[in-house]
Protein backbone atom coordinates (compact mmCIF):
# COMPACT_ATOMS: atom_id res chain seq x y z
CA MET A 1 -19.28 12.73 -15.44
CA ASP A 2 -20.64 16.11 -14.46
CA ASP A 3 -20.08 15.72 -10.72
CA CYS A 4 -16.63 14.06 -10.81
CA ILE A 5 -14.04 16.35 -9.20
CA PHE A 6 -11.23 15.08 -11.44
CA CYS A 7 -13.36 15.60 -14.56
CA LYS A 8 -13.91 19.18 -13.37
CA ILE A 9 -10.15 19.63 -12.88
CA ALA A 10 -9.51 18.16 -16.35
CA ARG A 11 -12.01 20.62 -17.86
CA GLY A 12 -10.44 23.55 -15.99
CA GLU A 13 -13.55 24.18 -13.89
CA ILE A 14 -11.61 23.64 -10.65
CA PRO A 15 -8.13 25.15 -10.36
CA SER A 16 -5.13 22.95 -9.67
CA ASN A 17 -1.39 23.40 -9.42
CA LYS A 18 -0.60 21.78 -12.77
CA VAL A 19 2.69 20.09 -13.53
CA TYR A 20 1.73 18.93 -17.04
CA GLU A 21 -1.20 19.01 -19.44
CA ASP A 22 -1.89 17.84 -22.97
CA ASP A 23 -4.97 16.76 -24.92
CA GLN A 24 -5.15 13.36 -23.17
CA CYS A 25 -4.13 13.91 -19.55
CA VAL A 26 -3.36 16.39 -16.82
CA ALA A 27 -0.96 16.15 -13.87
CA PHE A 28 -1.12 18.30 -10.75
CA TYR A 29 0.22 18.42 -7.21
CA ASP A 30 -1.81 16.53 -4.60
CA LEU A 31 -3.48 18.78 -2.01
CA ASN A 32 -2.57 16.32 0.78
CA PRO A 33 0.93 15.15 -0.13
CA MET A 34 2.19 11.85 1.25
CA ALA A 35 5.78 12.55 0.14
CA LYS A 36 7.96 15.58 -0.64
CA VAL A 37 6.83 15.21 -4.24
CA HIS A 38 3.27 13.98 -4.73
CA VAL A 39 1.73 14.46 -8.15
CA LEU A 40 -1.53 13.03 -9.47
CA ILE A 41 -1.93 12.26 -13.15
CA ILE A 42 -5.36 11.64 -14.64
CA PRO A 43 -6.78 10.91 -18.07
CA LYS A 44 -9.07 13.68 -19.30
CA ALA A 45 -11.61 11.05 -20.34
CA HIS A 46 -13.52 9.60 -17.40
CA ILE A 47 -12.33 6.10 -16.56
CA ALA A 48 -13.44 4.98 -13.09
CA ASN A 49 -10.41 2.87 -12.19
CA VAL A 50 -8.02 0.14 -13.38
CA LEU A 51 -10.92 -2.30 -13.77
CA ASP A 52 -12.32 -0.09 -16.53
CA ILE A 53 -9.18 -0.11 -18.70
CA SER A 54 -9.99 -1.75 -22.03
CA THR A 55 -8.65 -2.09 -25.54
CA GLU A 56 -10.71 0.99 -26.42
CA ASN A 57 -8.99 3.26 -23.86
CA SER A 58 -5.64 1.60 -23.15
CA ALA A 59 -3.70 3.93 -25.46
CA VAL A 60 -4.25 6.80 -23.04
CA ILE A 61 -2.85 4.66 -20.20
CA SER A 62 0.30 3.98 -22.21
CA HIS A 63 0.56 7.70 -22.90
CA ILE A 64 0.15 8.48 -19.20
CA PHE A 65 3.11 6.25 -18.34
CA GLU A 66 5.22 8.06 -20.95
CA VAL A 67 4.19 11.33 -19.28
CA ILE A 68 5.01 9.89 -15.83
CA ALA A 69 8.58 9.27 -17.03
CA LYS A 70 8.82 12.85 -18.33
CA ILE A 71 7.44 14.34 -15.11
CA ALA A 72 9.78 12.21 -12.97
CA LYS A 73 12.78 13.42 -14.97
CA ASP A 74 11.57 17.05 -14.93
CA LEU A 75 11.13 16.92 -11.13
CA GLY A 76 14.51 15.27 -10.55
CA LEU A 77 13.18 11.95 -9.32
CA GLU A 78 15.76 9.79 -11.10
CA ASP A 79 16.94 8.35 -7.75
CA GLY A 80 13.57 6.69 -7.37
CA PHE A 81 9.86 7.23 -7.16
CA ARG A 82 6.68 5.23 -6.76
CA VAL A 83 3.60 5.07 -9.01
CA VAL A 84 0.40 3.97 -7.25
CA SER A 85 -3.20 3.55 -8.37
CA ASN A 86 -5.79 2.51 -5.82
CA CYS A 87 -8.65 0.47 -7.24
CA ASN A 88 -12.00 0.64 -5.46
CA GLU A 89 -12.93 1.44 -1.89
CA TYR A 90 -11.17 -1.48 -0.16
CA ALA A 91 -7.87 -0.31 -1.67
CA GLY A 92 -8.44 3.29 -0.57
CA GLN A 93 -9.75 4.83 -3.81
CA SER A 94 -11.66 7.93 -2.76
CA VAL A 95 -12.14 9.64 -6.14
CA PHE A 96 -13.60 7.25 -8.69
CA HIS A 97 -11.73 8.64 -11.69
CA LEU A 98 -8.60 6.71 -12.64
CA HIS A 99 -5.52 8.45 -11.30
CA PHE A 100 -1.92 7.61 -10.64
CA HIS A 101 0.06 8.96 -7.69
CA ILE A 102 3.70 9.83 -8.39
CA LEU A 103 5.50 9.82 -5.04
CA GLY A 104 9.14 10.75 -4.55
CA GLY A 105 11.66 13.34 -3.50
CA GLN A 106 12.67 11.27 -0.48
CA LYS A 107 13.47 7.70 0.45
CA LEU A 108 10.10 5.95 0.58
CA SER A 109 9.28 3.32 3.18
CA LEU A 110 7.97 -0.06 2.14
CA THR A 111 4.69 0.64 3.91
CA MET A 112 4.05 4.02 2.25
CA CYS A 113 1.63 3.46 -0.62
């Protein structure tokens, strides 16, 4: 997707404060953090949201969750963190490229998602 902001970040066309990158995904700090630690992790391939996960692309999702565990450990989030993915407009998805929010670094309220 040429006009997708997360595709542009994944291609390096838009700078980001990267936490992690490999050939399948990239993780970077959110510009509008909702917690002391707020990292976004995205697949480099364009997948619109959870509804578009399929047998053809599910391996990258598994890989992303392995990377989430690594990032959480690297950032000292062993006491607890939250992983959130909003799916479509009614759930608050504003960028239609699959992404996971890693939230932590503080005690999170039950209403903070």
